Amino acid sequence: MTNKFDHIHVNLQPSYSLAAILIVSHCVTTILIWLLVLTIAIKILVTIAITFSCIYYLRQDALLLSNNAVITFDLFEKMQCKITTRSKRSIHCLITPNSFVTPMLTVLIFKLEKPLSLSPFCSVVILPDRIETNEFRRLRIWLRWKYRQGDTKKQQH
């Protein structure tokens, strides 16, 4: 990640802590489904759906193995962004106000200029193991200050 004036480049790494969180949460959900009073057929169908969900999010968000997985992004002025997927596709987008920034977790929600799928939005979950500690700190500070500046300018107009 580099910080050049009003530009930040972030290279994402696979997140094994996110993978663990996804696996545990999907397993707990499956156990809870099997504890409910439902027919075996429904339990099996829901378990299959949960398994596919786990595999999808592991490939897409945690391990970055999917062709549509975001592997790098560049942040610019006015919350503009360019994401690059594993398939080397570059897409211009905006960071939405719904994005979430805390010391342990950052979730960026991008509004895509050219959607990757049916949704015009794409999200990136960043835990501390996804990028270097100092880079993660700079990213969070940049996001917080840019939003505050943007909010202040919007309120003045």
Protein backbone atom coordinates (compact mmCIF):
# COMPACT_ATOMS: atom_id res chain seq x y z
CA MET A 1 0.00 0.00 0.00
CA THR A 2 1.38 3.37 -0.95
CA ASN A 3 0.14 6.75 0.11
CA LYS A 4 0.79 9.44 -2.52
CA PHE A 5 -0.90 12.69 -1.60
CA ASP A 6 -4.56 11.83 -2.20
CA HIS A 7 -4.11 8.30 -3.53
CA ILE A 8 -3.81 4.97 -1.72
CA HIS A 9 -3.05 1.63 -3.37
CA VAL A 10 -3.96 -1.52 -1.42
CA ASN A 11 -2.93 -5.10 -2.28
CA LEU A 12 -5.13 -7.61 -0.50
CA GLN A 13 -3.88 -10.95 0.80
CA PRO A 14 -5.98 -14.01 1.67
CA SER A 15 -7.45 -13.74 5.17
CA TYR A 16 -7.24 -16.96 7.16
CA SER A 17 -9.00 -15.39 10.14
CA LEU A 18 -11.94 -14.46 7.89
CA ALA A 19 -11.90 -18.03 6.54
CA ALA A 20 -12.08 -19.38 10.10
CA ILE A 21 -14.93 -17.00 10.99
CA LEU A 22 -16.88 -18.04 7.89
CA ILE A 23 -16.38 -21.76 8.52
CA VAL A 24 -17.35 -21.55 12.20
CA SER A 25 -20.42 -19.39 11.53
CA HIS A 26 -21.64 -21.68 8.74
CA CYS A 27 -21.07 -24.78 10.90
CA VAL A 28 -22.95 -23.26 13.84
CA THR A 29 -25.81 -22.31 11.53
CA THR A 30 -25.94 -25.86 10.18
CA ILE A 31 -26.04 -27.31 13.70
CA LEU A 32 -28.85 -24.94 14.66
CA ILE A 33 -30.84 -25.93 11.57
CA TRP A 34 -30.51 -29.60 12.53
CA LEU A 35 -31.78 -28.82 16.05
CA LEU A 36 -34.99 -27.31 14.66
CA VAL A 37 -38.13 -29.37 14.26
CA LEU A 38 -38.16 -29.64 10.47
CA THR A 39 -38.44 -32.50 8.04
CA ILE A 40 -35.22 -34.26 7.04
CA ALA A 41 -35.66 -33.12 3.42
CA ILE A 42 -35.77 -29.44 4.44
CA LYS A 43 -32.77 -29.88 6.76
CA ILE A 44 -30.77 -31.49 3.93
CA LEU A 45 -31.72 -28.77 1.43
CA VAL A 46 -30.82 -25.98 3.87
CA THR A 47 -27.54 -27.73 4.75
CA ILE A 48 -26.65 -27.93 1.05
CA ALA A 49 -27.45 -24.22 0.62
CA ILE A 50 -25.32 -23.33 3.67
CA THR A 51 -22.44 -25.44 2.31
CA PHE A 52 -22.57 -23.69 -1.07
CA SER A 53 -22.70 -20.32 0.71
CA CYS A 54 -19.63 -21.19 2.77
CA ILE A 55 -17.69 -22.30 -0.31
CA TYR A 56 -18.71 -19.19 -2.27
CA TYR A 57 -17.68 -16.72 0.45
CA LEU A 58 -14.47 -18.58 1.22
CA ARG A 59 -13.45 -18.40 -2.45
CA GLN A 60 -14.72 -14.84 -3.01
CA ASP A 61 -13.85 -12.98 0.20
CA ALA A 62 -11.46 -14.97 2.37
CA LEU A 63 -9.11 -16.86 0.06
CA LEU A 64 -9.47 -14.63 -3.04
CA LEU A 65 -9.67 -17.62 -5.41
CA SER A 66 -12.73 -16.51 -7.41
CA ASN A 67 -12.25 -14.63 -10.69
CA ASN A 68 -14.44 -11.80 -9.30
CA ALA A 69 -12.48 -11.55 -6.04
CA VAL A 70 -11.07 -8.05 -5.45
CA ILE A 71 -7.29 -8.36 -5.10
CA THR A 72 -6.28 -4.69 -5.28
CA PHE A 73 -7.96 -1.33 -5.07
CA ASP A 74 -6.91 2.28 -5.46
CA LEU A 75 -8.62 5.05 -3.50
CA PHE A 76 -8.70 8.57 -4.92
CA GLU A 77 -10.20 11.97 -4.13
CA LYS A 78 -13.96 12.30 -3.56
CA MET A 79 -14.18 8.63 -2.52
CA GLN A 80 -13.58 7.43 -6.04
CA CYS A 81 -11.97 4.05 -6.41
CA LYS A 82 -10.66 1.55 -8.92
CA ILE A 83 -10.83 -2.13 -8.04
CA THR A 84 -8.96 -4.93 -9.78
CA THR A 85 -10.25 -8.48 -9.70
CA ARG A 86 -8.30 -11.73 -9.81
CA SER A 87 -9.19 -11.98 -13.52
CA LYS A 88 -7.34 -8.63 -14.02
CA ARG A 89 -10.56 -6.74 -14.68
CA SER A 90 -10.39 -3.08 -13.55
CA ILE A 91 -13.61 -1.33 -12.59
CA HIS A 92 -14.13 2.26 -11.49
CA CYS A 93 -16.44 2.76 -8.54
CA LEU A 94 -17.38 4.92 -5.56
CA ILE A 95 -17.10 4.02 -1.88
CA THR A 96 -20.58 4.16 -0.38
CA PRO A 97 -21.40 5.81 2.97
CA ASN A 98 -22.49 2.34 4.17
CA SER A 99 -18.85 1.33 4.49
CA PHE A 100 -17.74 0.44 8.01
CA VAL A 101 -14.38 1.37 9.58
CA THR A 102 -13.13 0.20 13.00
CA PRO A 103 -9.69 -0.74 14.38
CA MET A 104 -10.27 -4.50 13.92
CA LEU A 105 -12.59 -4.59 10.92
CA THR A 106 -13.13 -2.53 7.81
CA VAL A 107 -15.88 -3.31 5.33
CA LEU A 108 -15.75 -1.29 2.13
CA ILE A 109 -18.83 -1.24 -0.05
CA PHE A 110 -18.21 -0.12 -3.60
CA LYS A 111 -20.84 1.08 -6.08
CA LEU A 112 -19.52 -0.26 -9.37
CA GLU A 113 -19.57 1.59 -12.66
CA LYS A 114 -19.83 -1.79 -14.48
CA PRO A 115 -21.32 -4.49 -12.23
CA LEU A 116 -19.49 -7.80 -11.77
CA SER A 117 -22.79 -9.63 -11.39
CA LEU A 118 -26.46 -8.74 -10.99
CA SER A 119 -25.72 -6.34 -8.15
CA PRO A 120 -24.16 -2.91 -8.80
CA PHE A 121 -22.36 -3.23 -5.45
CA CYS A 122 -19.27 -5.09 -4.31
CA SER A 123 -17.85 -5.41 -0.80
CA VAL A 124 -14.38 -6.03 0.61
CA VAL A 125 -13.89 -7.27 4.18
CA ILE A 126 -10.53 -6.27 5.64
CA LEU A 127 -9.29 -7.84 8.87
CA PRO A 128 -5.83 -7.16 10.33
CA ASP A 129 -4.29 -10.24 8.63
CA ARG A 130 -5.30 -9.05 5.17
CA ILE A 131 -2.76 -6.19 4.95
CA GLU A 132 0.25 -5.01 6.97
CA THR A 133 -0.57 -3.37 10.33
CA ASN A 134 0.76 0.12 9.48
CA GLU A 135 -0.91 0.04 6.08
CA PHE A 136 -4.21 -0.98 7.67
CA ARG A 137 -3.92 1.94 10.10
CA ARG A 138 -3.21 4.41 7.27
CA LEU A 139 -6.14 3.07 5.28
CA ARG A 140 -8.54 3.46 8.21
CA ILE A 141 -7.31 7.01 8.93
CA TRP A 142 -7.57 7.97 5.26
CA LEU A 143 -11.12 6.60 5.05
CA ARG A 144 -12.25 8.36 8.22
CA TRP A 145 -10.76 11.74 7.29
CA LYS A 146 -11.93 11.63 3.70
CA TYR A 147 -15.49 10.86 4.79
CA ARG A 148 -15.46 13.66 7.33
CA GLN A 149 -14.16 16.12 4.75
CA GLY A 150 -16.75 14.93 2.23
CA ASP A 151 -19.58 15.16 4.78
CA THR A 152 -18.50 18.68 5.79
CA LYS A 153 -18.42 19.85 2.17
CA LYS A 154 -21.88 18.34 1.46
CA GLN A 155 -23.39 20.07 4.50
CA GLN A 156 -21.97 23.46 3.45
CA HIS A 157 -23.73 23.35 0.03
